[in-house]
Amino acid sequence: KDESKEATKQESLGIYFLRTDLEIKDEA
């Protein structure tokens, strides 16, 4: 295993990004 890539993958688990063109100030 590539330890650096393994660590990066582990840190990114459970994370995803929402994207919008709306000007929304409230994250919820």
mmCIF file of all heavy atoms, coordinates in Angstrom:
data_MODEL
# 
_entry.id   MODEL 
# 
loop_
_atom_site.group_PDB 
_atom_site.id 
_atom_site.type_symbol 
_atom_site.label_atom_id 
_atom_site.label_alt_id 
_atom_site.label_comp_id 
_atom_site.label_asym_id 
_atom_site.label_entity_id 
_atom_site.label_seq_id 
_atom_site.pdbx_PDB_ins_code 
_atom_site.Cartn_x 
_atom_site.Cartn_y 
_atom_site.Cartn_z 
_atom_site.occupancy 
_atom_site.B_iso_or_equiv 
_atom_site.pdbx_formal_charge 
_atom_site.auth_seq_id 
_atom_site.auth_comp_id 
_atom_site.auth_asym_id 
_atom_site.auth_atom_id 
_atom_site.pdbx_PDB_model_num 
ATOM 1   N N   . LYS A 1 1  ? 0.837   -1.201 0.000   1.00 0.00 ? 1  LYS A N   1 
ATOM 2   C CA  . LYS A 1 1  ? 0.000   0.000  0.000   1.00 0.00 ? 1  LYS A CA  1 
ATOM 3   C C   . LYS A 1 1  ? 0.875   1.255  0.000   1.00 0.00 ? 1  LYS A C   1 
ATOM 4   O O   . LYS A 1 1  ? 1.907   1.299  0.666   1.00 0.00 ? 1  LYS A O   1 
ATOM 5   C CB  . LYS A 1 1  ? -0.908  0.015  1.226   1.00 0.00 ? 1  LYS A CB  1 
ATOM 6   C CG  . LYS A 1 1  ? -2.087  -0.942 1.128   1.00 0.00 ? 1  LYS A CG  1 
ATOM 7   C CD  . LYS A 1 1  ? -3.025  -0.749 2.315   1.00 0.00 ? 1  LYS A CD  1 
ATOM 8   C CE  . LYS A 1 1  ? -4.219  -1.691 2.199   1.00 0.00 ? 1  LYS A CE  1 
ATOM 9   N NZ  . LYS A 1 1  ? -5.153  -1.491 3.333   1.00 0.00 ? 1  LYS A NZ  1 
ATOM 10  N N   . ASP A 1 2  ? 0.425   2.239  -0.752  1.00 0.00 ? 2  ASP A N   1 
ATOM 11  C CA  . ASP A 1 2  ? 1.062   3.561  -0.738  1.00 0.00 ? 2  ASP A CA  1 
ATOM 12  C C   . ASP A 1 2  ? 0.497   4.296  0.480   1.00 0.00 ? 2  ASP A C   1 
ATOM 13  O O   . ASP A 1 2  ? -0.674  4.684  0.505   1.00 0.00 ? 2  ASP A O   1 
ATOM 14  C CB  . ASP A 1 2  ? 0.731   4.308  -2.028  1.00 0.00 ? 2  ASP A CB  1 
ATOM 15  C CG  . ASP A 1 2  ? 1.488   5.625  -2.141  1.00 0.00 ? 2  ASP A CG  1 
ATOM 16  O OD1 . ASP A 1 2  ? 1.615   6.311  -1.108  1.00 0.00 ? 2  ASP A OD1 1 
ATOM 17  O OD2 . ASP A 1 2  ? 1.923   5.965  -3.250  1.00 0.00 ? 2  ASP A OD2 1 
ATOM 18  N N   . GLU A 1 3  ? 1.333   4.479  1.488   1.00 0.00 ? 3  GLU A N   1 
ATOM 19  C CA  . GLU A 1 3  ? 0.855   5.014  2.770   1.00 0.00 ? 3  GLU A CA  1 
ATOM 20  C C   . GLU A 1 3  ? 0.290   6.427  2.649   1.00 0.00 ? 3  GLU A C   1 
ATOM 21  O O   . GLU A 1 3  ? -0.694  6.766  3.315   1.00 0.00 ? 3  GLU A O   1 
ATOM 22  C CB  . GLU A 1 3  ? 1.982   4.986  3.795   1.00 0.00 ? 3  GLU A CB  1 
ATOM 23  C CG  . GLU A 1 3  ? 2.395   3.574  4.195   1.00 0.00 ? 3  GLU A CG  1 
ATOM 24  C CD  . GLU A 1 3  ? 3.464   3.577  5.279   1.00 0.00 ? 3  GLU A CD  1 
ATOM 25  O OE1 . GLU A 1 3  ? 3.840   4.691  5.713   1.00 0.00 ? 3  GLU A OE1 1 
ATOM 26  O OE2 . GLU A 1 3  ? 3.902   2.484  5.670   1.00 0.00 ? 3  GLU A OE2 1 
ATOM 27  N N   . SER A 1 4  ? 0.890   7.249  1.822   1.00 0.00 ? 4  SER A N   1 
ATOM 28  C CA  . SER A 1 4  ? 0.391   8.624  1.677   1.00 0.00 ? 4  SER A CA  1 
ATOM 29  C C   . SER A 1 4  ? -0.991  8.633  1.024   1.00 0.00 ? 4  SER A C   1 
ATOM 30  O O   . SER A 1 4  ? -1.902  9.357  1.459   1.00 0.00 ? 4  SER A O   1 
ATOM 31  C CB  . SER A 1 4  ? 1.373   9.460  0.860   1.00 0.00 ? 4  SER A CB  1 
ATOM 32  O OG  . SER A 1 4  ? 1.502   8.939  -0.452  1.00 0.00 ? 4  SER A OG  1 
ATOM 33  N N   . LYS A 1 5  ? -1.144  7.845  -0.040  1.00 0.00 ? 5  LYS A N   1 
ATOM 34  C CA  . LYS A 1 5  ? -2.458  7.774  -0.703  1.00 0.00 ? 5  LYS A CA  1 
ATOM 35  C C   . LYS A 1 5  ? -3.492  7.099  0.190   1.00 0.00 ? 5  LYS A C   1 
ATOM 36  O O   . LYS A 1 5  ? -4.666  7.475  0.188   1.00 0.00 ? 5  LYS A O   1 
ATOM 37  C CB  . LYS A 1 5  ? -2.332  7.014  -2.029  1.00 0.00 ? 5  LYS A CB  1 
ATOM 38  C CG  . LYS A 1 5  ? -1.557  7.783  -3.084  1.00 0.00 ? 5  LYS A CG  1 
ATOM 39  C CD  . LYS A 1 5  ? -1.530  7.026  -4.400  1.00 0.00 ? 5  LYS A CD  1 
ATOM 40  C CE  . LYS A 1 5  ? -0.805  7.832  -5.475  1.00 0.00 ? 5  LYS A CE  1 
ATOM 41  N NZ  . LYS A 1 5  ? -0.768  7.110  -6.775  1.00 0.00 ? 5  LYS A NZ  1 
ATOM 42  N N   . GLU A 1 6  ? -3.058  6.109  0.955   1.00 0.00 ? 6  GLU A N   1 
ATOM 43  C CA  . GLU A 1 6  ? -3.948  5.434  1.905   1.00 0.00 ? 6  GLU A CA  1 
ATOM 44  C C   . GLU A 1 6  ? -4.462  6.424  2.947   1.00 0.00 ? 6  GLU A C   1 
ATOM 45  O O   . GLU A 1 6  ? -5.652  6.443  3.289   1.00 0.00 ? 6  GLU A O   1 
ATOM 46  C CB  . GLU A 1 6  ? -3.194  4.288  2.573   1.00 0.00 ? 6  GLU A CB  1 
ATOM 47  C CG  . GLU A 1 6  ? -3.820  3.738  3.849   1.00 0.00 ? 6  GLU A CG  1 
ATOM 48  C CD  . GLU A 1 6  ? -5.029  2.876  3.588   1.00 0.00 ? 6  GLU A CD  1 
ATOM 49  O OE1 . GLU A 1 6  ? -5.304  2.569  2.413   1.00 0.00 ? 6  GLU A OE1 1 
ATOM 50  O OE2 . GLU A 1 6  ? -5.717  2.516  4.562   1.00 0.00 ? 6  GLU A OE2 1 
ATOM 51  N N   . ALA A 1 7  ? -3.559  7.268  3.451   1.00 0.00 ? 7  ALA A N   1 
ATOM 52  C CA  . ALA A 1 7  ? -3.948  8.263  4.460   1.00 0.00 ? 7  ALA A CA  1 
ATOM 53  C C   . ALA A 1 7  ? -4.910  9.288  3.865   1.00 0.00 ? 7  ALA A C   1 
ATOM 54  O O   . ALA A 1 7  ? -5.888  9.696  4.505   1.00 0.00 ? 7  ALA A O   1 
ATOM 55  C CB  . ALA A 1 7  ? -2.707  8.948  5.013   1.00 0.00 ? 7  ALA A CB  1 
ATOM 56  N N   . THR A 1 8  ? -4.636  9.720  2.622   1.00 0.00 ? 8  THR A N   1 
ATOM 57  C CA  . THR A 1 8  ? -5.516  10.695 1.955   1.00 0.00 ? 8  THR A CA  1 
ATOM 58  C C   . THR A 1 8  ? -6.909  10.107 1.751   1.00 0.00 ? 8  THR A C   1 
ATOM 59  O O   . THR A 1 8  ? -7.922  10.777 1.976   1.00 0.00 ? 8  THR A O   1 
ATOM 60  C CB  . THR A 1 8  ? -4.925  11.105 0.595   1.00 0.00 ? 8  THR A CB  1 
ATOM 61  O OG1 . THR A 1 8  ? -3.619  11.652 0.802   1.00 0.00 ? 8  THR A OG1 1 
ATOM 62  C CG2 . THR A 1 8  ? -5.814  12.122 -0.091  1.00 0.00 ? 8  THR A CG2 1 
ATOM 63  N N   . LYS A 1 9  ? -6.951  8.859  1.319   1.00 0.00 ? 9  LYS A N   1 
ATOM 64  C CA  . LYS A 1 9  ? -8.235  8.175  1.116   1.00 0.00 ? 9  LYS A CA  1 
ATOM 65  C C   . LYS A 1 9  ? -8.988  8.055  2.429   1.00 0.00 ? 9  LYS A C   1 
ATOM 66  O O   . LYS A 1 9  ? -10.206 8.274  2.487   1.00 0.00 ? 9  LYS A O   1 
ATOM 67  C CB  . LYS A 1 9  ? -7.973  6.791  0.509   1.00 0.00 ? 9  LYS A CB  1 
ATOM 68  C CG  . LYS A 1 9  ? -9.228  5.967  0.240   1.00 0.00 ? 9  LYS A CG  1 
ATOM 69  C CD  . LYS A 1 9  ? -10.013 6.536  -0.915  1.00 0.00 ? 9  LYS A CD  1 
ATOM 70  C CE  . LYS A 1 9  ? -11.191 5.651  -1.253  1.00 0.00 ? 9  LYS A CE  1 
ATOM 71  N NZ  . LYS A 1 9  ? -12.030 6.197  -2.347  1.00 0.00 ? 9  LYS A NZ  1 
ATOM 72  N N   . GLN A 1 10 ? -8.281  7.703  3.482   1.00 0.00 ? 10 GLN A N   1 
ATOM 73  C CA  . GLN A 1 10 ? -8.909  7.516  4.787   1.00 0.00 ? 10 GLN A CA  1 
ATOM 74  C C   . GLN A 1 10 ? -9.514  8.827  5.298   1.00 0.00 ? 10 GLN A C   1 
ATOM 75  O O   . GLN A 1 10 ? -10.609 8.835  5.869   1.00 0.00 ? 10 GLN A O   1 
ATOM 76  C CB  . GLN A 1 10 ? -7.873  6.984  5.785   1.00 0.00 ? 10 GLN A CB  1 
ATOM 77  C CG  . GLN A 1 10 ? -8.451  6.430  7.077   1.00 0.00 ? 10 GLN A CG  1 
ATOM 78  C CD  . GLN A 1 10 ? -9.261  5.152  6.871   1.00 0.00 ? 10 GLN A CD  1 
ATOM 79  O OE1 . GLN A 1 10 ? -8.934  4.346  6.011   1.00 0.00 ? 10 GLN A OE1 1 
ATOM 80  N NE2 . GLN A 1 10 ? -10.306 5.001  7.660   1.00 0.00 ? 10 GLN A NE2 1 
ATOM 81  N N   . GLU A 1 11 ? -8.793  9.912  5.058   1.00 0.00 ? 11 GLU A N   1 
ATOM 82  C CA  . GLU A 1 11 ? -9.276  11.217 5.524   1.00 0.00 ? 11 GLU A CA  1 
ATOM 83  C C   . GLU A 1 11 ? -10.512 11.683 4.762   1.00 0.00 ? 11 GLU A C   1 
ATOM 84  O O   . GLU A 1 11 ? -11.319 12.451 5.283   1.00 0.00 ? 11 GLU A O   1 
ATOM 85  C CB  . GLU A 1 11 ? -8.155  12.269 5.368   1.00 0.00 ? 11 GLU A CB  1 
ATOM 86  C CG  . GLU A 1 11 ? -7.008  12.075 6.355   1.00 0.00 ? 11 GLU A CG  1 
ATOM 87  C CD  . GLU A 1 11 ? -5.869  13.037 6.065   1.00 0.00 ? 11 GLU A CD  1 
ATOM 88  O OE1 . GLU A 1 11 ? -6.019  13.850 5.109   1.00 0.00 ? 11 GLU A OE1 1 
ATOM 89  O OE2 . GLU A 1 11 ? -4.843  12.977 6.757   1.00 0.00 ? 11 GLU A OE2 1 
ATOM 90  N N   . SER A 1 12 ? -10.654 11.231 3.535   1.00 0.00 ? 12 SER A N   1 
ATOM 91  C CA  . SER A 1 12 ? -11.771 11.695 2.695   1.00 0.00 ? 12 SER A CA  1 
ATOM 92  C C   . SER A 1 12 ? -13.038 10.859 2.856   1.00 0.00 ? 12 SER A C   1 
ATOM 93  O O   . SER A 1 12 ? -14.069 11.178 2.256   1.00 0.00 ? 12 SER A O   1 
ATOM 94  C CB  . SER A 1 12 ? -11.342 11.683 1.218   1.00 0.00 ? 12 SER A CB  1 
ATOM 95  O OG  . SER A 1 12 ? -11.160 10.342 0.779   1.00 0.00 ? 12 SER A OG  1 
ATOM 96  N N   . LEU A 1 13 ? -12.967 9.796  3.660   1.00 0.00 ? 13 LEU A N   1 
ATOM 97  C CA  . LEU A 1 13 ? -14.144 8.942  3.832   1.00 0.00 ? 13 LEU A CA  1 
ATOM 98  C C   . LEU A 1 13 ? -15.286 9.730  4.483   1.00 0.00 ? 13 LEU A C   1 
ATOM 99  O O   . LEU A 1 13 ? -15.082 10.459 5.449   1.00 0.00 ? 13 LEU A O   1 
ATOM 100 C CB  . LEU A 1 13 ? -13.797 7.726  4.695   1.00 0.00 ? 13 LEU A CB  1 
ATOM 101 C CG  . LEU A 1 13 ? -12.834 6.703  4.099   1.00 0.00 ? 13 LEU A CG  1 
ATOM 102 C CD1 . LEU A 1 13 ? -12.552 5.576  5.091   1.00 0.00 ? 13 LEU A CD1 1 
ATOM 103 C CD2 . LEU A 1 13 ? -13.361 6.138  2.790   1.00 0.00 ? 13 LEU A CD2 1 
ATOM 104 N N   . GLY A 1 14 ? -16.474 9.545  3.946   1.00 0.00 ? 14 GLY A N   1 
ATOM 105 C CA  . GLY A 1 14 ? -17.652 10.200 4.512   1.00 0.00 ? 14 GLY A CA  1 
ATOM 106 C C   . GLY A 1 14 ? -17.789 11.654 4.136   1.00 0.00 ? 14 GLY A C   1 
ATOM 107 O O   . GLY A 1 14 ? -18.673 12.352 4.651   1.00 0.00 ? 14 GLY A O   1 
ATOM 108 N N   . ILE A 1 15 ? -16.953 12.157 3.223   1.00 0.00 ? 15 ILE A N   1 
ATOM 109 C CA  . ILE A 1 15 ? -17.002 13.563 2.835   1.00 0.00 ? 15 ILE A CA  1 
ATOM 110 C C   . ILE A 1 15 ? -17.453 13.678 1.372   1.00 0.00 ? 15 ILE A C   1 
ATOM 111 O O   . ILE A 1 15 ? -16.939 12.973 0.502   1.00 0.00 ? 15 ILE A O   1 
ATOM 112 C CB  . ILE A 1 15 ? -15.627 14.239 3.013   1.00 0.00 ? 15 ILE A CB  1 
ATOM 113 C CG1 . ILE A 1 15 ? -15.212 14.237 4.481   1.00 0.00 ? 15 ILE A CG1 1 
ATOM 114 C CG2 . ILE A 1 15 ? -15.651 15.673 2.467   1.00 0.00 ? 15 ILE A CG2 1 
ATOM 115 C CD1 . ILE A 1 15 ? -13.818 14.777 4.727   1.00 0.00 ? 15 ILE A CD1 1 
ATOM 116 N N   . TYR A 1 16 ? -18.410 14.552 1.133   1.00 0.00 ? 16 TYR A N   1 
ATOM 117 C CA  . TYR A 1 16 ? -18.791 14.880 -0.239  1.00 0.00 ? 16 TYR A CA  1 
ATOM 118 C C   . TYR A 1 16 ? -19.170 16.360 -0.280  1.00 0.00 ? 16 TYR A C   1 
ATOM 119 O O   . TYR A 1 16 ? -19.303 17.013 0.761   1.00 0.00 ? 16 TYR A O   1 
ATOM 120 C CB  . TYR A 1 16 ? -19.928 13.993 -0.747  1.00 0.00 ? 16 TYR A CB  1 
ATOM 121 C CG  . TYR A 1 16 ? -21.208 14.060 0.061   1.00 0.00 ? 16 TYR A CG  1 
ATOM 122 C CD1 . TYR A 1 16 ? -22.276 14.845 -0.349  1.00 0.00 ? 16 TYR A CD1 1 
ATOM 123 C CD2 . TYR A 1 16 ? -21.365 13.305 1.222   1.00 0.00 ? 16 TYR A CD2 1 
ATOM 124 C CE1 . TYR A 1 16 ? -23.449 14.899 0.381   1.00 0.00 ? 16 TYR A CE1 1 
ATOM 125 C CE2 . TYR A 1 16 ? -22.531 13.346 1.957   1.00 0.00 ? 16 TYR A CE2 1 
ATOM 126 C CZ  . TYR A 1 16 ? -23.576 14.143 1.519   1.00 0.00 ? 16 TYR A CZ  1 
ATOM 127 O OH  . TYR A 1 16 ? -24.735 14.200 2.242   1.00 0.00 ? 16 TYR A OH  1 
ATOM 128 N N   . PHE A 1 17 ? -19.337 16.888 -1.513  1.00 0.00 ? 17 PHE A N   1 
ATOM 129 C CA  . PHE A 1 17 ? -19.542 18.330 -1.669  1.00 0.00 ? 17 PHE A CA  1 
ATOM 130 C C   . PHE A 1 17 ? -20.831 18.604 -2.421  1.00 0.00 ? 17 PHE A C   1 
ATOM 131 O O   . PHE A 1 17 ? -21.099 17.998 -3.469  1.00 0.00 ? 17 PHE A O   1 
ATOM 132 C CB  . PHE A 1 17 ? -18.363 18.956 -2.431  1.00 0.00 ? 17 PHE A CB  1 
ATOM 133 C CG  . PHE A 1 17 ? -17.071 18.896 -1.677  1.00 0.00 ? 17 PHE A CG  1 
ATOM 134 C CD1 . PHE A 1 17 ? -16.251 17.775 -1.757  1.00 0.00 ? 17 PHE A CD1 1 
ATOM 135 C CD2 . PHE A 1 17 ? -16.667 19.952 -0.871  1.00 0.00 ? 17 PHE A CD2 1 
ATOM 136 C CE1 . PHE A 1 17 ? -15.060 17.707 -1.060  1.00 0.00 ? 17 PHE A CE1 1 
ATOM 137 C CE2 . PHE A 1 17 ? -15.469 19.901 -0.170  1.00 0.00 ? 17 PHE A CE2 1 
ATOM 138 C CZ  . PHE A 1 17 ? -14.669 18.771 -0.258  1.00 0.00 ? 17 PHE A CZ  1 
ATOM 139 N N   . LEU A 1 18 ? -21.629 19.513 -1.879  1.00 0.00 ? 18 LEU A N   1 
ATOM 140 C CA  . LEU A 1 18 ? -22.799 20.027 -2.578  1.00 0.00 ? 18 LEU A CA  1 
ATOM 141 C C   . LEU A 1 18 ? -22.399 21.299 -3.313  1.00 0.00 ? 18 LEU A C   1 
ATOM 142 O O   . LEU A 1 18 ? -21.550 22.068 -2.843  1.00 0.00 ? 18 LEU A O   1 
ATOM 143 C CB  . LEU A 1 18 ? -23.938 20.329 -1.608  1.00 0.00 ? 18 LEU A CB  1 
ATOM 144 C CG  . LEU A 1 18 ? -24.471 19.152 -0.792  1.00 0.00 ? 18 LEU A CG  1 
ATOM 145 C CD1 . LEU A 1 18 ? -25.662 19.594 0.055   1.00 0.00 ? 18 LEU A CD1 1 
ATOM 146 C CD2 . LEU A 1 18 ? -24.862 17.992 -1.687  1.00 0.00 ? 18 LEU A CD2 1 
ATOM 147 N N   . ARG A 1 19 ? -23.058 21.513 -4.450  1.00 0.00 ? 19 ARG A N   1 
ATOM 148 C CA  . ARG A 1 19 ? -22.694 22.651 -5.294  1.00 0.00 ? 19 ARG A CA  1 
ATOM 149 C C   . ARG A 1 19 ? -23.967 23.343 -5.772  1.00 0.00 ? 19 ARG A C   1 
ATOM 150 O O   . ARG A 1 19 ? -24.935 22.689 -6.157  1.00 0.00 ? 19 ARG A O   1 
ATOM 151 C CB  . ARG A 1 19 ? -21.887 22.149 -6.488  1.00 0.00 ? 19 ARG A CB  1 
ATOM 152 C CG  . ARG A 1 19 ? -21.503 23.222 -7.488  1.00 0.00 ? 19 ARG A CG  1 
ATOM 153 C CD  . ARG A 1 19 ? -20.685 22.605 -8.614  1.00 0.00 ? 19 ARG A CD  1 
ATOM 154 N NE  . ARG A 1 19 ? -20.311 23.603 -9.607  1.00 0.00 ? 19 ARG A NE  1 
ATOM 155 C CZ  . ARG A 1 19 ? -19.577 23.349 -10.693 1.00 0.00 ? 19 ARG A CZ  1 
ATOM 156 N NH1 . ARG A 1 19 ? -19.126 22.106 -10.921 1.00 0.00 ? 19 ARG A NH1 1 
ATOM 157 N NH2 . ARG A 1 19 ? -19.291 24.304 -11.554 1.00 0.00 ? 19 ARG A NH2 1 
ATOM 158 N N   . THR A 1 20 ? -23.977 24.667 -5.749  1.00 0.00 ? 20 THR A N   1 
ATOM 159 C CA  . THR A 1 20 ? -25.145 25.415 -6.225  1.00 0.00 ? 20 THR A CA  1 
ATOM 160 C C   . THR A 1 20 ? -24.725 26.775 -6.741  1.00 0.00 ? 20 THR A C   1 
ATOM 161 O O   . THR A 1 20 ? -23.692 27.326 -6.324  1.00 0.00 ? 20 THR A O   1 
ATOM 162 C CB  . THR A 1 20 ? -26.192 25.589 -5.107  1.00 0.00 ? 20 THR A CB  1 
ATOM 163 O OG1 . THR A 1 20 ? -27.308 26.317 -5.613  1.00 0.00 ? 20 THR A OG1 1 
ATOM 164 C CG2 . THR A 1 20 ? -25.628 26.319 -3.900  1.00 0.00 ? 20 THR A CG2 1 
ATOM 165 N N   . ASP A 1 21 ? -25.537 27.310 -7.661  1.00 0.00 ? 21 ASP A N   1 
ATOM 166 C CA  . ASP A 1 21 ? -25.294 28.678 -8.143  1.00 0.00 ? 21 ASP A CA  1 
ATOM 167 C C   . ASP A 1 21 ? -26.177 29.679 -7.413  1.00 0.00 ? 21 ASP A C   1 
ATOM 168 O O   . ASP A 1 21 ? -26.186 30.864 -7.733  1.00 0.00 ? 21 ASP A O   1 
ATOM 169 C CB  . ASP A 1 21 ? -25.524 28.759 -9.652  1.00 0.00 ? 21 ASP A CB  1 
ATOM 170 C CG  . ASP A 1 21 ? -26.964 28.506 -10.039 1.00 0.00 ? 21 ASP A CG  1 
ATOM 171 O OD1 . ASP A 1 21 ? -27.668 27.800 -9.273  1.00 0.00 ? 21 ASP A OD1 1 
ATOM 172 O OD2 . ASP A 1 21 ? -27.404 28.987 -11.099 1.00 0.00 ? 21 ASP A OD2 1 
ATOM 173 N N   . LEU A 1 22 ? -26.942 29.204 -6.423  1.00 0.00 ? 22 LEU A N   1 
ATOM 174 C CA  . LEU A 1 22 ? -27.783 30.093 -5.623  1.00 0.00 ? 22 LEU A CA  1 
ATOM 175 C C   . LEU A 1 22 ? -26.934 30.854 -4.602  1.00 0.00 ? 22 LEU A C   1 
ATOM 176 O O   . LEU A 1 22 ? -25.935 30.328 -4.108  1.00 0.00 ? 22 LEU A O   1 
ATOM 177 C CB  . LEU A 1 22 ? -28.853 29.279 -4.880  1.00 0.00 ? 22 LEU A CB  1 
ATOM 178 C CG  . LEU A 1 22 ? -29.959 28.653 -5.726  1.00 0.00 ? 22 LEU A CG  1 
ATOM 179 C CD1 . LEU A 1 22 ? -30.697 27.612 -4.896  1.00 0.00 ? 22 LEU A CD1 1 
ATOM 180 C CD2 . LEU A 1 22 ? -30.919 29.713 -6.237  1.00 0.00 ? 22 LEU A CD2 1 
ATOM 181 N N   . GLU A 1 23 ? -27.366 32.030 -4.286  1.00 0.00 ? 23 GLU A N   1 
ATOM 182 C CA  . GLU A 1 23 ? -26.671 32.807 -3.250  1.00 0.00 ? 23 GLU A CA  1 
ATOM 183 C C   . GLU A 1 23 ? -27.353 32.519 -1.907  1.00 0.00 ? 23 GLU A C   1 
ATOM 184 O O   . GLU A 1 23 ? -28.217 33.262 -1.449  1.00 0.00 ? 23 GLU A O   1 
ATOM 185 C CB  . GLU A 1 23 ? -26.728 34.296 -3.591  1.00 0.00 ? 23 GLU A CB  1 
ATOM 186 C CG  . GLU A 1 23 ? -25.951 34.644 -4.847  1.00 0.00 ? 23 GLU A CG  1 
ATOM 187 C CD  . GLU A 1 23 ? -25.983 36.141 -5.126  1.00 0.00 ? 23 GLU A CD  1 
ATOM 188 O OE1 . GLU A 1 23 ? -26.549 36.888 -4.301  1.00 0.00 ? 23 GLU A OE1 1 
ATOM 189 O OE2 . GLU A 1 23 ? -25.444 36.555 -6.169  1.00 0.00 ? 23 GLU A OE2 1 
ATOM 190 N N   . ILE A 1 24 ? -26.956 31.408 -1.304  1.00 0.00 ? 24 ILE A N   1 
ATOM 191 C CA  . ILE A 1 24 ? -27.567 30.970 -0.047  1.00 0.00 ? 24 ILE A CA  1 
ATOM 192 C C   . ILE A 1 24 ? -26.588 31.232 1.090   1.00 0.00 ? 24 ILE A C   1 
ATOM 193 O O   . ILE A 1 24 ? -25.428 30.819 1.042   1.00 0.00 ? 24 ILE A O   1 
ATOM 194 C CB  . ILE A 1 24 ? -27.924 29.472 -0.111  1.00 0.00 ? 24 ILE A CB  1 
ATOM 195 C CG1 . ILE A 1 24 ? -28.902 29.216 -1.263  1.00 0.00 ? 24 ILE A CG1 1 
ATOM 196 C CG2 . ILE A 1 24 ? -28.542 29.011 1.212   1.00 0.00 ? 24 ILE A CG2 1 
ATOM 197 C CD1 . ILE A 1 24 ? -29.233 27.767 -1.470  1.00 0.00 ? 24 ILE A CD1 1 
ATOM 198 N N   . LYS A 1 25 ? -27.049 31.882 2.104   1.00 0.00 ? 25 LYS A N   1 
ATOM 199 C CA  . LYS A 1 25 ? -26.168 32.199 3.228   1.00 0.00 ? 25 LYS A CA  1 
ATOM 200 C C   . LYS A 1 25 ? -26.227 31.145 4.337   1.00 0.00 ? 25 LYS A C   1 
ATOM 201 O O   . LYS A 1 25 ? -25.337 31.073 5.162   1.00 0.00 ? 25 LYS A O   1 
ATOM 202 C CB  . LYS A 1 25 ? -26.592 33.555 3.806   1.00 0.00 ? 25 LYS A CB  1 
ATOM 203 C CG  . LYS A 1 25 ? -26.576 34.638 2.712   1.00 0.00 ? 25 LYS A CG  1 
ATOM 204 C CD  . LYS A 1 25 ? -25.554 35.669 2.973   1.00 0.00 ? 25 LYS A CD  1 
ATOM 205 C CE  . LYS A 1 25 ? -25.504 36.638 1.787   1.00 0.00 ? 25 LYS A CE  1 
ATOM 206 N NZ  . LYS A 1 25 ? -25.664 37.988 2.205   1.00 0.00 ? 25 LYS A NZ  1 
ATOM 207 N N   . ASP A 1 26 ? -27.278 30.340 4.315   1.00 0.00 ? 26 ASP A N   1 
ATOM 208 C CA  . ASP A 1 26 ? -27.497 29.361 5.387   1.00 0.00 ? 26 ASP A CA  1 
ATOM 209 C C   . ASP A 1 26 ? -27.139 27.966 4.874   1.00 0.00 ? 26 ASP A C   1 
ATOM 210 O O   . ASP A 1 26 ? -27.749 27.467 3.915   1.00 0.00 ? 26 ASP A O   1 
ATOM 211 C CB  . ASP A 1 26 ? -28.960 29.405 5.841   1.00 0.00 ? 26 ASP A CB  1 
ATOM 212 C CG  . ASP A 1 26 ? -29.201 28.605 7.112   1.00 0.00 ? 26 ASP A CG  1 
ATOM 213 O OD1 . ASP A 1 26 ? -28.438 27.659 7.373   1.00 0.00 ? 26 ASP A OD1 1 
ATOM 214 O OD2 . ASP A 1 26 ? -30.157 28.931 7.846   1.00 0.00 ? 26 ASP A OD2 1 
ATOM 215 N N   . GLU A 1 27 ? -26.123 27.343 5.513   1.00 0.00 ? 27 GLU A N   1 
ATOM 216 C CA  . GLU A 1 27 ? -25.686 26.013 5.080   1.00 0.00 ? 27 GLU A CA  1 
ATOM 217 C C   . GLU A 1 27 ? -26.801 24.982 5.181   1.00 0.00 ? 27 GLU A C   1 
ATOM 218 O O   . GLU A 1 27 ? -26.946 24.093 4.319   1.00 0.00 ? 27 GLU A O   1 
ATOM 219 C CB  . GLU A 1 27 ? -24.486 25.547 5.925   1.00 0.00 ? 27 GLU A CB  1 
ATOM 220 C CG  . GLU A 1 27 ? -23.206 26.314 5.693   1.00 0.00 ? 27 GLU A CG  1 
ATOM 221 C CD  . GLU A 1 27 ? -23.108 27.561 6.570   1.00 0.00 ? 27 GLU A CD  1 
ATOM 222 O OE1 . GLU A 1 27 ? -24.148 27.980 7.119   1.00 0.00 ? 27 GLU A OE1 1 
ATOM 223 O OE2 . GLU A 1 27 ? -21.999 28.115 6.699   1.00 0.00 ? 27 GLU A OE2 1 
ATOM 224 N N   . ALA A 1 28 ? -27.620 25.070 6.241   1.00 0.00 ? 28 ALA A N   1 
ATOM 225 C CA  . ALA A 1 28 ? -28.698 24.096 6.437   1.00 0.00 ? 28 ALA A CA  1 
ATOM 226 C C   . ALA A 1 28 ? -29.730 24.169 5.324   1.00 0.00 ? 28 ALA A C   1 
ATOM 227 O O   . ALA A 1 28 ? -30.303 23.147 4.925   1.00 0.00 ? 28 ALA A O   1 
ATOM 228 C CB  . ALA A 1 28 ? -29.373 24.317 7.796   1.00 0.00 ? 28 ALA A CB  1 
# 
